[in-house]
Amino acid sequence: MAKPYSDALVADGPLLFVSGQTPQAPDGGVVGDAGGQTRQIFRNMEAILARHGADLSHVVKLTYYLRHIADLDEFRSALLDSLPDGHRPAASLVEVSGLVDPRFLVEIDAVACLPRENA
């Protein structure tokens, strides 16, 4: 499987720090599996980035929090589906004992480099 991250990226521009996003949909629902939760998180993140004139291609750093490292393959598959083709932000992954809601299996925070015209 392709490595879903870069070892390092250079960013030149104003930075946007996106707080940890949970897999909760706008209607309050939460999908049960790690892959579905990852996809929902990226939909949530896309909405936040759009409000700031950016998109997922502007993300330079992601931090992933997984409840179960056994979900790693499912998570990575959803991650590769969610990121723009060829875009691999720098990343860190941590297995955690719990998240704010026991239904959550994944949480992700991000740093994006905003386009200068949108800063």
N, C-alpha and C. Protein backbone atom coordinates (compact mmCIF):
# COMPACT_ATOMS: atom_id res chain seq x y z
N MET A 1 0.85 -1.18 0.00
CA MET A 1 0.00 0.00 0.00
C MET A 1 0.89 1.24 0.00
N ALA A 2 0.49 2.24 -0.73
CA ALA A 2 1.24 3.50 -0.79
C ALA A 2 1.31 4.15 0.59
N LYS A 3 2.44 4.76 0.86
CA LYS A 3 2.62 5.47 2.12
C LYS A 3 1.70 6.70 2.09
N PRO A 4 0.76 6.84 3.04
CA PRO A 4 -0.22 7.93 2.99
C PRO A 4 0.27 9.24 3.64
N TYR A 5 1.57 9.45 3.68
CA TYR A 5 2.09 10.68 4.26
C TYR A 5 3.45 10.99 3.65
N SER A 6 3.90 12.24 3.80
CA SER A 6 5.23 12.66 3.39
C SER A 6 6.13 12.74 4.61
N ASP A 7 7.40 12.54 4.40
CA ASP A 7 8.35 12.67 5.51
C ASP A 7 8.47 14.12 5.97
N ALA A 8 8.30 15.07 5.03
CA ALA A 8 8.37 16.49 5.36
C ALA A 8 7.77 17.30 4.21
N LEU A 9 7.23 18.48 4.54
CA LEU A 9 6.70 19.42 3.56
C LEU A 9 7.15 20.82 3.94
N VAL A 10 7.34 21.67 2.96
CA VAL A 10 7.65 23.08 3.19
C VAL A 10 6.36 23.87 2.99
N ALA A 11 6.02 24.73 3.93
CA ALA A 11 4.83 25.57 3.82
C ALA A 11 5.25 27.03 3.81
N ASP A 12 4.64 27.80 2.93
CA ASP A 12 4.97 29.21 2.83
C ASP A 12 3.66 30.00 2.74
N GLY A 13 3.21 30.49 3.85
CA GLY A 13 1.97 31.24 3.85
C GLY A 13 1.32 31.19 5.21
N PRO A 14 0.23 31.87 5.37
CA PRO A 14 -0.47 31.84 6.65
C PRO A 14 -0.95 30.43 6.96
N LEU A 15 -0.84 30.04 8.20
CA LEU A 15 -1.26 28.70 8.62
C LEU A 15 -2.63 28.74 9.28
N LEU A 16 -3.42 27.71 9.01
CA LEU A 16 -4.72 27.52 9.63
C LEU A 16 -4.62 26.25 10.45
N PHE A 17 -4.89 26.34 11.74
CA PHE A 17 -4.85 25.19 12.64
C PHE A 17 -6.28 24.71 12.86
N VAL A 18 -6.57 23.50 12.41
CA VAL A 18 -7.92 22.93 12.51
C VAL A 18 -7.95 22.00 13.71
N SER A 19 -8.83 22.31 14.66
CA SER A 19 -8.97 21.49 15.86
C SER A 19 -9.37 20.08 15.51
N GLY A 20 -9.16 19.18 16.47
CA GLY A 20 -9.50 17.78 16.27
C GLY A 20 -10.93 17.62 15.79
N GLN A 21 -11.07 16.94 14.66
CA GLN A 21 -12.38 16.69 14.08
C GLN A 21 -12.83 15.28 14.43
N THR A 22 -14.08 15.18 14.82
CA THR A 22 -14.66 13.89 15.18
C THR A 22 -15.51 13.38 14.01
N PRO A 23 -15.92 12.13 14.06
CA PRO A 23 -16.69 11.55 12.97
C PRO A 23 -18.19 11.84 13.03
N GLN A 24 -18.58 12.80 13.82
CA GLN A 24 -20.00 13.11 13.94
C GLN A 24 -20.47 13.89 12.71
N ALA A 25 -21.51 13.37 12.05
CA ALA A 25 -22.10 14.01 10.88
C ALA A 25 -22.91 15.22 11.33
N PRO A 26 -23.24 16.14 10.42
CA PRO A 26 -24.04 17.31 10.80
C PRO A 26 -25.37 16.96 11.46
N ASP A 27 -25.94 15.79 11.11
CA ASP A 27 -27.21 15.37 11.72
C ASP A 27 -27.01 14.68 13.07
N GLY A 28 -25.74 14.58 13.53
CA GLY A 28 -25.44 13.97 14.82
C GLY A 28 -25.12 12.50 14.76
N GLY A 29 -25.31 11.88 13.60
CA GLY A 29 -25.04 10.46 13.46
C GLY A 29 -23.56 10.15 13.43
N VAL A 30 -23.23 8.91 13.80
CA VAL A 30 -21.84 8.44 13.79
C VAL A 30 -21.83 7.05 13.15
N VAL A 31 -21.07 6.90 12.06
CA VAL A 31 -20.90 5.60 11.41
C VAL A 31 -20.10 4.70 12.33
N GLY A 32 -20.35 3.41 12.31
CA GLY A 32 -19.74 2.49 13.27
C GLY A 32 -18.33 2.04 13.00
N ASP A 33 -17.83 2.11 11.75
CA ASP A 33 -16.50 1.56 11.47
C ASP A 33 -15.47 2.67 11.26
N ALA A 34 -14.19 2.31 11.41
CA ALA A 34 -13.11 3.29 11.33
C ALA A 34 -13.01 3.92 9.94
N GLY A 35 -13.26 3.15 8.90
CA GLY A 35 -13.20 3.70 7.55
C GLY A 35 -14.26 4.75 7.31
N GLY A 36 -15.49 4.44 7.68
CA GLY A 36 -16.59 5.40 7.52
C GLY A 36 -16.37 6.63 8.37
N GLN A 37 -15.86 6.44 9.58
CA GLN A 37 -15.60 7.58 10.46
C GLN A 37 -14.51 8.47 9.87
N THR A 38 -13.49 7.87 9.30
CA THR A 38 -12.41 8.65 8.68
C THR A 38 -12.94 9.49 7.53
N ARG A 39 -13.77 8.88 6.68
CA ARG A 39 -14.35 9.61 5.55
C ARG A 39 -15.22 10.78 6.03
N GLN A 40 -16.00 10.56 7.10
CA GLN A 40 -16.84 11.63 7.64
C GLN A 40 -15.99 12.76 8.20
N ILE A 41 -14.92 12.41 8.88
CA ILE A 41 -14.03 13.44 9.42
C ILE A 41 -13.49 14.32 8.29
N PHE A 42 -13.09 13.71 7.19
CA PHE A 42 -12.57 14.51 6.08
C PHE A 42 -13.66 15.36 5.44
N ARG A 43 -14.91 14.88 5.41
CA ARG A 43 -16.01 15.74 4.92
C ARG A 43 -16.18 16.93 5.86
N ASN A 44 -16.12 16.69 7.16
CA ASN A 44 -16.22 17.78 8.13
C ASN A 44 -15.07 18.78 7.95
N MET A 45 -13.88 18.25 7.76
CA MET A 45 -12.70 19.10 7.60
C MET A 45 -12.78 19.92 6.32
N GLU A 46 -13.28 19.31 5.24
CA GLU A 46 -13.43 20.04 3.98
C GLU A 46 -14.33 21.26 4.16
N ALA A 47 -15.40 21.13 4.93
CA ALA A 47 -16.31 22.25 5.17
C ALA A 47 -15.60 23.38 5.92
N ILE A 48 -14.79 23.03 6.90
CA ILE A 48 -14.04 24.05 7.66
C ILE A 48 -13.04 24.74 6.75
N LEU A 49 -12.28 23.97 6.00
CA LEU A 49 -11.29 24.54 5.09
C LEU A 49 -11.95 25.46 4.07
N ALA A 50 -13.09 25.05 3.53
CA ALA A 50 -13.78 25.87 2.53
C ALA A 50 -14.18 27.23 3.09
N ARG A 51 -14.56 27.27 4.36
CA ARG A 51 -14.92 28.56 4.98
C ARG A 51 -13.73 29.52 5.02
N HIS A 52 -12.54 28.97 4.88
CA HIS A 52 -11.31 29.78 4.91
C HIS A 52 -10.65 29.86 3.54
N GLY A 53 -11.38 29.49 2.49
CA GLY A 53 -10.86 29.59 1.14
C GLY A 53 -9.81 28.55 0.79
N ALA A 54 -9.86 27.41 1.46
CA ALA A 54 -8.87 26.37 1.24
C ALA A 54 -9.59 25.04 1.00
N ASP A 55 -8.79 24.02 0.69
CA ASP A 55 -9.32 22.67 0.54
C ASP A 55 -8.27 21.68 1.06
N LEU A 56 -8.54 20.40 0.92
CA LEU A 56 -7.63 19.40 1.48
C LEU A 56 -6.23 19.44 0.86
N SER A 57 -6.10 19.98 -0.34
CA SER A 57 -4.77 20.08 -0.94
C SER A 57 -3.88 21.09 -0.22
N HIS A 58 -4.47 21.93 0.63
CA HIS A 58 -3.71 22.92 1.39
C HIS A 58 -3.23 22.39 2.75
N VAL A 59 -3.65 21.19 3.12
CA VAL A 59 -3.25 20.60 4.39
C VAL A 59 -1.80 20.15 4.31
N VAL A 60 -1.00 20.59 5.29
CA VAL A 60 0.42 20.24 5.31
C VAL A 60 0.78 19.29 6.45
N LYS A 61 -0.09 19.17 7.46
CA LYS A 61 0.21 18.29 8.60
C LYS A 61 -1.10 17.75 9.16
N LEU A 62 -1.13 16.45 9.40
CA LEU A 62 -2.28 15.80 10.03
C LEU A 62 -1.80 15.00 11.23
N THR A 63 -2.63 14.97 12.26
CA THR A 63 -2.38 14.10 13.41
C THR A 63 -3.60 13.22 13.56
N TYR A 64 -3.36 11.91 13.58
CA TYR A 64 -4.43 10.92 13.64
C TYR A 64 -4.43 10.28 15.02
N TYR A 65 -5.61 10.14 15.57
CA TYR A 65 -5.79 9.47 16.86
C TYR A 65 -6.72 8.28 16.61
N LEU A 66 -6.19 7.06 16.79
CA LEU A 66 -6.97 5.84 16.58
C LEU A 66 -7.21 5.14 17.91
N ARG A 67 -8.43 4.69 18.11
CA ARG A 67 -8.74 3.93 19.33
C ARG A 67 -8.11 2.54 19.28
N HIS A 68 -8.07 1.95 18.07
CA HIS A 68 -7.58 0.58 17.94
C HIS A 68 -6.61 0.51 16.77
N ILE A 69 -5.35 0.21 17.04
CA ILE A 69 -4.36 0.12 15.98
C ILE A 69 -4.72 -0.99 15.00
N ALA A 70 -5.54 -1.93 15.42
CA ALA A 70 -6.01 -3.00 14.53
C ALA A 70 -6.83 -2.44 13.36
N ASP A 71 -7.34 -1.21 13.50
CA ASP A 71 -8.11 -0.56 12.43
C ASP A 71 -7.22 0.15 11.41
N LEU A 72 -5.90 0.01 11.54
CA LEU A 72 -4.97 0.79 10.73
C LEU A 72 -5.16 0.60 9.22
N ASP A 73 -5.30 -0.62 8.76
CA ASP A 73 -5.46 -0.84 7.32
C ASP A 73 -6.75 -0.21 6.80
N GLU A 74 -7.84 -0.38 7.53
CA GLU A 74 -9.12 0.23 7.14
C GLU A 74 -9.01 1.75 7.16
N PHE A 75 -8.36 2.29 8.18
CA PHE A 75 -8.14 3.73 8.29
C PHE A 75 -7.32 4.24 7.11
N ARG A 76 -6.21 3.58 6.79
CA ARG A 76 -5.33 4.02 5.70
C ARG A 76 -6.05 3.99 4.35
N SER A 77 -6.86 2.98 4.13
CA SER A 77 -7.62 2.89 2.89
C SER A 77 -8.56 4.08 2.76
N ALA A 78 -9.28 4.41 3.84
CA ALA A 78 -10.20 5.56 3.83
C ALA A 78 -9.43 6.86 3.69
N LEU A 79 -8.26 6.94 4.31
CA LEU A 79 -7.41 8.13 4.21
C LEU A 79 -7.00 8.37 2.77
N LEU A 80 -6.53 7.33 2.10
CA LEU A 80 -6.11 7.47 0.71
C LEU A 80 -7.29 7.83 -0.19
N ASP A 81 -8.48 7.35 0.12
CA ASP A 81 -9.69 7.72 -0.63
C ASP A 81 -10.06 9.18 -0.40
N SER A 82 -9.75 9.72 0.76
CA SER A 82 -10.20 11.06 1.16
C SER A 82 -9.26 12.18 0.71
N LEU A 83 -7.97 11.90 0.66
CA LEU A 83 -7.00 12.94 0.28
C LEU A 83 -6.98 13.10 -1.24
N PRO A 84 -6.71 14.32 -1.72
CA PRO A 84 -6.56 14.51 -3.16
C PRO A 84 -5.45 13.62 -3.71
N ASP A 85 -5.61 13.16 -4.94
CA ASP A 85 -4.62 12.28 -5.57
C ASP A 85 -3.21 12.85 -5.46
N GLY A 86 -2.30 12.04 -4.94
CA GLY A 86 -0.90 12.43 -4.85
C GLY A 86 -0.55 13.36 -3.70
N HIS A 87 -1.55 13.87 -2.97
CA HIS A 87 -1.27 14.80 -1.87
C HIS A 87 -1.05 13.99 -0.60
N ARG A 88 0.13 14.13 -0.02
CA ARG A 88 0.49 13.39 1.18
C ARG A 88 1.07 14.35 2.21
N PRO A 89 0.23 14.88 3.11
CA PRO A 89 0.74 15.77 4.17
C PRO A 89 1.68 15.02 5.11
N ALA A 90 2.53 15.75 5.82
CA ALA A 90 3.28 15.17 6.92
C ALA A 90 2.25 14.69 7.94
N ALA A 91 2.59 13.64 8.71
CA ALA A 91 1.58 13.08 9.60
C ALA A 91 2.19 12.39 10.80
N SER A 92 1.37 12.29 11.85
CA SER A 92 1.69 11.51 13.04
C SER A 92 0.45 10.70 13.38
N LEU A 93 0.65 9.50 13.88
CA LEU A 93 -0.46 8.64 14.27
C LEU A 93 -0.23 8.13 15.68
N VAL A 94 -1.28 8.22 16.50
CA VAL A 94 -1.19 7.80 17.89
C VAL A 94 -2.38 6.90 18.21
N GLU A 95 -2.11 5.78 18.85
CA GLU A 95 -3.21 4.96 19.38
C GLU A 95 -3.57 5.51 20.75
N VAL A 96 -4.87 5.73 20.98
CA VAL A 96 -5.34 6.31 22.24
C VAL A 96 -6.30 5.34 22.93
N SER A 97 -6.41 5.48 24.23
CA SER A 97 -7.30 4.59 24.98
C SER A 97 -8.76 5.00 24.89
N GLY A 98 -9.01 6.24 24.51
CA GLY A 98 -10.38 6.70 24.38
C GLY A 98 -10.44 8.08 23.77
N LEU A 99 -11.63 8.41 23.26
CA LEU A 99 -11.89 9.74 22.72
C LEU A 99 -13.09 10.31 23.45
N VAL A 100 -13.49 11.51 23.14
CA VAL A 100 -14.51 12.23 23.91
C VAL A 100 -15.86 11.50 23.93
N ASP A 101 -16.16 10.70 22.93
CA ASP A 101 -17.41 9.94 22.86
C ASP A 101 -17.02 8.48 22.62
N PRO A 102 -17.57 7.55 23.37
CA PRO A 102 -17.17 6.15 23.21
C PRO A 102 -17.48 5.56 21.83
N ARG A 103 -18.33 6.20 21.04
CA ARG A 103 -18.61 5.73 19.68
C ARG A 103 -17.50 6.09 18.71
N PHE A 104 -16.66 7.07 19.06
CA PHE A 104 -15.63 7.55 18.15
C PHE A 104 -14.43 6.60 18.15
N LEU A 105 -14.01 6.21 16.95
CA LEU A 105 -12.84 5.36 16.77
C LEU A 105 -11.66 6.14 16.23
N VAL A 106 -11.93 7.33 15.68
CA VAL A 106 -10.92 8.14 15.02
C VAL A 106 -11.16 9.62 15.33
N GLU A 107 -10.08 10.37 15.47
CA GLU A 107 -10.14 11.83 15.51
C GLU A 107 -8.91 12.32 14.75
N ILE A 108 -9.06 13.45 14.06
CA ILE A 108 -7.96 13.97 13.25
C ILE A 108 -7.90 15.49 13.40
N ASP A 109 -6.70 16.02 13.63
CA ASP A 109 -6.52 17.47 13.56
C ASP A 109 -5.56 17.79 12.43
N ALA A 110 -5.53 19.06 12.02
CA ALA A 110 -4.79 19.42 10.81
C ALA A 110 -4.17 20.79 10.92
N VAL A 111 -3.13 20.99 10.13
CA VAL A 111 -2.55 22.31 9.87
C VAL A 111 -2.60 22.48 8.35
N ALA A 112 -3.17 23.60 7.91
CA ALA A 112 -3.23 23.90 6.49
C ALA A 112 -2.49 25.21 6.22
N CYS A 113 -1.91 25.30 5.05
CA CYS A 113 -1.25 26.52 4.60
C CYS A 113 -2.21 27.21 3.64
N LEU A 114 -2.77 28.34 4.07
CA LEU A 114 -3.78 29.03 3.28
C LEU A 114 -3.18 29.69 2.05
N PRO A 115 -3.95 29.72 0.97
CA PRO A 115 -3.50 30.49 -0.18
C PRO A 115 -3.37 31.96 0.24
N ARG A 116 -2.34 32.61 -0.19
CA ARG A 116 -2.08 34.00 0.24
C ARG A 116 -3.25 34.92 -0.06
N GLU A 117 -3.94 34.72 -1.18
CA GLU A 117 -5.06 35.59 -1.53
C GLU A 117 -6.27 35.41 -0.59
N ASN A 118 -6.28 34.33 0.21
CA ASN A 118 -7.39 34.07 1.14
C ASN A 118 -7.02 34.37 2.58
N ALA A 119 -5.79 34.81 2.81
CA ALA A 119 -5.33 35.03 4.19
C ALA A 119 -5.92 36.31 4.77
